């Protein structure tokens, strides 16, 4: 979109008060910035956080916690208890 705007500005009649060259200068800077951002390493914040892999939780609860969770999944007994009917 930025390159198309630059092409449009280069083919139209010049704007008053030296606006066309300034617009083209700003578009060139924007193009350079976007190219630089695209070339940088693509690491998402979620992937950086994912590298922890629950280490804080395992320190807090211990391995027994994960054994109980796995057992509850196998017997479908996880979650809240059912409401008692009156």
N, C-alpha and C. Protein backbone atom coordinates (compact mmCIF):
# COMPACT_ATOMS: atom_id res chain seq x y z
N UNK A 1 0.84 -1.19 0.00
CA UNK A 1 0.00 0.00 0.00
C UNK A 1 0.88 1.25 0.00
N UNK A 2 1.97 1.18 0.74
CA UNK A 2 2.86 2.35 0.79
C UNK A 2 3.52 2.59 -0.56
N UNK A 3 3.93 1.51 -1.22
CA UNK A 3 4.57 1.69 -2.53
C UNK A 3 3.57 2.20 -3.56
N UNK A 4 2.32 1.75 -3.46
CA UNK A 4 1.30 2.25 -4.38
C UNK A 4 1.03 3.73 -4.15
N UNK A 5 1.01 4.15 -2.90
CA UNK A 5 0.82 5.58 -2.60
C UNK A 5 1.99 6.39 -3.13
N UNK A 6 3.20 5.85 -3.06
CA UNK A 6 4.37 6.54 -3.59
C UNK A 6 4.26 6.68 -5.11
N UNK A 7 3.80 5.63 -5.78
CA UNK A 7 3.62 5.69 -7.24
C UNK A 7 2.56 6.71 -7.62
N UNK A 8 1.48 6.74 -6.87
CA UNK A 8 0.40 7.71 -7.15
C UNK A 8 0.91 9.13 -7.00
N UNK A 9 1.68 9.38 -5.94
CA UNK A 9 2.22 10.72 -5.73
C UNK A 9 3.22 11.11 -6.81
N UNK A 10 3.97 10.15 -7.31
CA UNK A 10 4.96 10.47 -8.33
C UNK A 10 4.32 10.77 -9.67
N UNK A 11 3.10 10.30 -9.91
CA UNK A 11 2.46 10.49 -11.21
C UNK A 11 1.41 11.59 -11.21
N UNK A 12 1.12 12.20 -10.07
CA UNK A 12 0.10 13.24 -10.03
C UNK A 12 0.74 14.62 -10.09
N UNK A 13 -0.11 15.61 -10.22
CA UNK A 13 0.33 17.00 -10.26
C UNK A 13 0.85 17.39 -8.87
N UNK A 14 1.91 18.17 -8.83
CA UNK A 14 2.50 18.57 -7.56
C UNK A 14 1.53 19.39 -6.73
N UNK A 15 1.53 19.13 -5.44
CA UNK A 15 0.67 19.85 -4.51
C UNK A 15 1.35 21.17 -4.13
N UNK A 16 0.56 22.16 -3.73
CA UNK A 16 1.16 23.45 -3.35
C UNK A 16 1.96 23.33 -2.05
N UNK A 17 2.77 24.32 -1.78
CA UNK A 17 3.57 24.46 -0.56
C UNK A 17 4.53 23.28 -0.34
N UNK A 18 5.07 22.74 -1.44
CA UNK A 18 6.10 21.70 -1.37
C UNK A 18 5.62 20.44 -0.63
N UNK A 19 4.34 20.12 -0.76
CA UNK A 19 3.77 18.98 -0.03
C UNK A 19 4.11 17.65 -0.68
N UNK A 20 4.16 17.61 -2.00
CA UNK A 20 4.42 16.35 -2.69
C UNK A 20 5.80 15.78 -2.35
N UNK A 21 6.87 16.58 -2.43
CA UNK A 21 8.17 16.00 -2.06
C UNK A 21 8.23 15.54 -0.60
N UNK A 22 7.60 16.27 0.29
CA UNK A 22 7.58 15.88 1.70
C UNK A 22 6.81 14.57 1.90
N UNK A 23 5.69 14.42 1.20
CA UNK A 23 4.92 13.18 1.29
C UNK A 23 5.74 12.00 0.77
N UNK A 24 6.46 12.20 -0.34
CA UNK A 24 7.28 11.13 -0.89
C UNK A 24 8.43 10.79 0.04
N UNK A 25 8.96 11.80 0.71
CA UNK A 25 10.04 11.56 1.68
C UNK A 25 9.54 10.73 2.85
N UNK A 26 8.37 11.08 3.36
CA UNK A 26 7.78 10.33 4.47
C UNK A 26 7.42 8.91 4.06
N UNK A 27 6.90 8.75 2.85
CA UNK A 27 6.57 7.42 2.37
C UNK A 27 7.83 6.57 2.21
N UNK A 28 8.91 7.19 1.75
CA UNK A 28 10.17 6.45 1.63
C UNK A 28 10.67 5.98 2.98
N UNK A 29 10.54 6.83 3.99
CA UNK A 29 10.95 6.44 5.35
C UNK A 29 10.06 5.32 5.87
N UNK A 30 8.76 5.40 5.60
CA UNK A 30 7.83 4.36 6.05
C UNK A 30 8.14 3.03 5.35
N UNK A 31 8.47 3.09 4.07
CA UNK A 31 8.83 1.87 3.34
C UNK A 31 10.10 1.24 3.93
N UNK A 32 11.08 2.08 4.24
CA UNK A 32 12.32 1.56 4.81
C UNK A 32 12.07 0.92 6.17
N UNK A 33 11.23 1.54 6.99
CA UNK A 33 10.92 0.99 8.31
C UNK A 33 10.19 -0.35 8.21
N UNK A 34 9.21 -0.42 7.32
CA UNK A 34 8.45 -1.67 7.19
C UNK A 34 9.33 -2.78 6.63
N UNK A 35 10.21 -2.46 5.68
CA UNK A 35 11.13 -3.47 5.16
C UNK A 35 12.04 -3.99 6.27
N UNK A 36 12.51 -3.09 7.10
CA UNK A 36 13.39 -3.48 8.20
C UNK A 36 12.64 -4.36 9.20
N UNK A 37 11.41 -4.00 9.51
CA UNK A 37 10.62 -4.80 10.46
C UNK A 37 10.33 -6.19 9.91
N UNK A 38 10.10 -6.27 8.60
CA UNK A 38 9.82 -7.58 8.01
C UNK A 38 11.05 -8.46 7.97
N UNK A 39 12.22 -7.87 7.89
CA UNK A 39 13.45 -8.65 7.84
C UNK A 39 13.90 -9.13 9.21
N UNK A 40 13.40 -8.49 10.26
CA UNK A 40 13.81 -8.89 11.60
C UNK A 40 13.27 -10.27 11.92
N UNK A 41 13.87 -10.90 12.92
CA UNK A 41 13.48 -12.24 13.31
C UNK A 41 12.02 -12.26 13.77
N UNK A 42 11.30 -13.23 13.31
CA UNK A 42 9.87 -13.32 13.61
C UNK A 42 9.65 -14.21 14.83
N UNK A 43 9.77 -13.64 16.01
CA UNK A 43 9.52 -14.37 17.25
C UNK A 43 8.37 -13.67 17.96
N UNK A 44 7.30 -14.42 18.16
CA UNK A 44 6.14 -13.85 18.82
C UNK A 44 6.33 -13.88 20.33
N UNK A 45 5.70 -12.96 21.04
CA UNK A 45 5.79 -12.98 22.51
C UNK A 45 5.28 -14.28 23.11
N UNK A 46 4.26 -14.88 22.47
CA UNK A 46 3.72 -16.13 23.00
C UNK A 46 4.74 -17.25 22.92
N UNK A 47 5.53 -17.26 21.85
CA UNK A 47 6.53 -18.33 21.74
C UNK A 47 7.64 -18.15 22.76
N UNK A 48 7.95 -16.90 23.10
CA UNK A 48 8.95 -16.66 24.13
C UNK A 48 8.45 -17.13 25.49
N UNK A 49 7.18 -16.85 25.78
CA UNK A 49 6.61 -17.30 27.05
C UNK A 49 6.42 -18.80 27.07
N UNK A 50 6.15 -19.39 25.93
CA UNK A 50 5.93 -20.83 25.85
C UNK A 50 7.17 -21.63 26.19
N UNK A 51 8.33 -21.00 26.08
CA UNK A 51 9.55 -21.74 26.38
C UNK A 51 9.69 -22.05 27.86
N UNK A 52 8.94 -21.35 28.70
CA UNK A 52 8.97 -21.66 30.12
C UNK A 52 8.35 -23.03 30.38
N UNK A 53 7.30 -23.34 29.68
CA UNK A 53 6.70 -24.67 29.72
C UNK A 53 6.14 -25.09 31.05
N UNK A 54 5.61 -24.20 31.85
CA UNK A 54 5.00 -24.56 33.12
C UNK A 54 6.00 -24.83 34.22
N UNK A 55 7.21 -24.31 34.08
CA UNK A 55 8.23 -24.58 35.10
C UNK A 55 7.87 -23.96 36.44
N UNK A 56 7.24 -22.79 36.43
CA UNK A 56 6.85 -22.16 37.69
C UNK A 56 5.74 -22.98 38.36
N UNK A 57 4.81 -23.48 37.57
CA UNK A 57 3.72 -24.28 38.13
C UNK A 57 4.25 -25.59 38.70
N UNK A 58 5.21 -26.19 38.01
CA UNK A 58 5.74 -27.46 38.51
C UNK A 58 6.53 -27.26 39.80
N UNK A 59 7.20 -26.12 39.93
CA UNK A 59 7.90 -25.84 41.18
C UNK A 59 6.90 -25.61 42.32
N UNK A 60 5.80 -24.95 42.00
CA UNK A 60 4.82 -24.61 43.02
C UNK A 60 4.05 -25.84 43.49
N UNK A 61 3.61 -26.70 42.57
CA UNK A 61 2.72 -27.80 42.92
C UNK A 61 3.42 -29.14 43.03
N UNK A 62 4.48 -29.35 42.29
CA UNK A 62 5.18 -30.63 42.33
C UNK A 62 4.62 -31.60 41.31
N UNK A 63 5.28 -32.74 41.19
CA UNK A 63 4.90 -33.72 40.17
C UNK A 63 3.59 -34.42 40.51
N UNK A 64 3.25 -34.51 41.79
CA UNK A 64 2.00 -35.17 42.19
C UNK A 64 0.78 -34.45 41.62
N UNK A 65 0.86 -33.15 41.52
CA UNK A 65 -0.23 -32.34 40.97
C UNK A 65 -0.54 -32.78 39.54
N UNK A 66 0.50 -32.99 38.73
CA UNK A 66 0.30 -33.40 37.34
C UNK A 66 -0.21 -34.83 37.25
N UNK A 67 0.21 -35.68 38.16
CA UNK A 67 -0.33 -37.05 38.17
C UNK A 67 -1.83 -37.05 38.45
N UNK A 68 -2.25 -36.22 39.41
CA UNK A 68 -3.68 -36.14 39.74
C UNK A 68 -4.48 -35.56 38.58
N UNK A 69 -3.92 -34.57 37.90
CA UNK A 69 -4.62 -33.99 36.75
C UNK A 69 -4.79 -35.02 35.64
N UNK A 70 -3.74 -35.80 35.36
CA UNK A 70 -3.81 -36.82 34.32
C UNK A 70 -4.82 -37.90 34.69
N UNK A 71 -4.87 -38.29 35.96
CA UNK A 71 -5.83 -39.30 36.39
C UNK A 71 -7.25 -38.77 36.26
N UNK A 72 -7.47 -37.51 36.57
CA UNK A 72 -8.81 -36.93 36.45
C UNK A 72 -9.25 -36.88 35.00
N UNK A 73 -8.32 -36.63 34.09
CA UNK A 73 -8.68 -36.60 32.67
C UNK A 73 -9.05 -37.98 32.17
N UNK A 74 -8.36 -38.99 32.66
CA UNK A 74 -8.62 -40.35 32.19
C UNK A 74 -9.98 -40.86 32.66
N UNK A 75 -10.42 -40.42 33.83
CA UNK A 75 -11.70 -40.89 34.36
C UNK A 75 -12.80 -39.87 34.15
N UNK A 76 -12.49 -38.77 33.45
CA UNK A 76 -13.47 -37.70 33.21
C UNK A 76 -14.04 -37.16 34.52
N UNK A 77 -13.20 -37.06 35.52
CA UNK A 77 -13.70 -36.58 36.80
C UNK A 77 -13.15 -35.20 37.16
N UNK A 78 -12.73 -34.46 36.19
CA UNK A 78 -12.21 -33.12 36.47
C UNK A 78 -13.33 -32.11 36.53
N UNK A 79 -13.03 -30.93 36.93
CA UNK A 79 -14.02 -29.85 36.95
C UNK A 79 -14.73 -29.73 38.28
N UNK A 80 -15.77 -28.91 38.27
CA UNK A 80 -16.53 -28.68 39.50
C UNK A 80 -17.47 -29.85 39.78
N UNK A 81 -17.76 -30.05 41.04
CA UNK A 81 -18.76 -31.09 41.37
C UNK A 81 -20.15 -30.67 40.89
N UNK A 82 -20.97 -31.63 40.64
CA UNK A 82 -22.34 -31.34 40.18
C UNK A 82 -23.14 -30.71 41.33
N UNK A 83 -24.10 -29.87 40.95
CA UNK A 83 -24.96 -29.25 41.97
C UNK A 83 -25.89 -30.29 42.55
N UNK A 84 -26.11 -30.16 43.85
CA UNK A 84 -27.04 -31.06 44.52
C UNK A 84 -28.45 -30.57 44.26
N UNK A 85 -29.33 -31.43 43.81
CA UNK A 85 -30.73 -31.04 43.58
C UNK A 85 -31.49 -31.07 44.90
N UNK A 86 -32.36 -30.11 45.09
CA UNK A 86 -33.10 -29.99 46.36
C UNK A 86 -34.33 -30.82 46.37
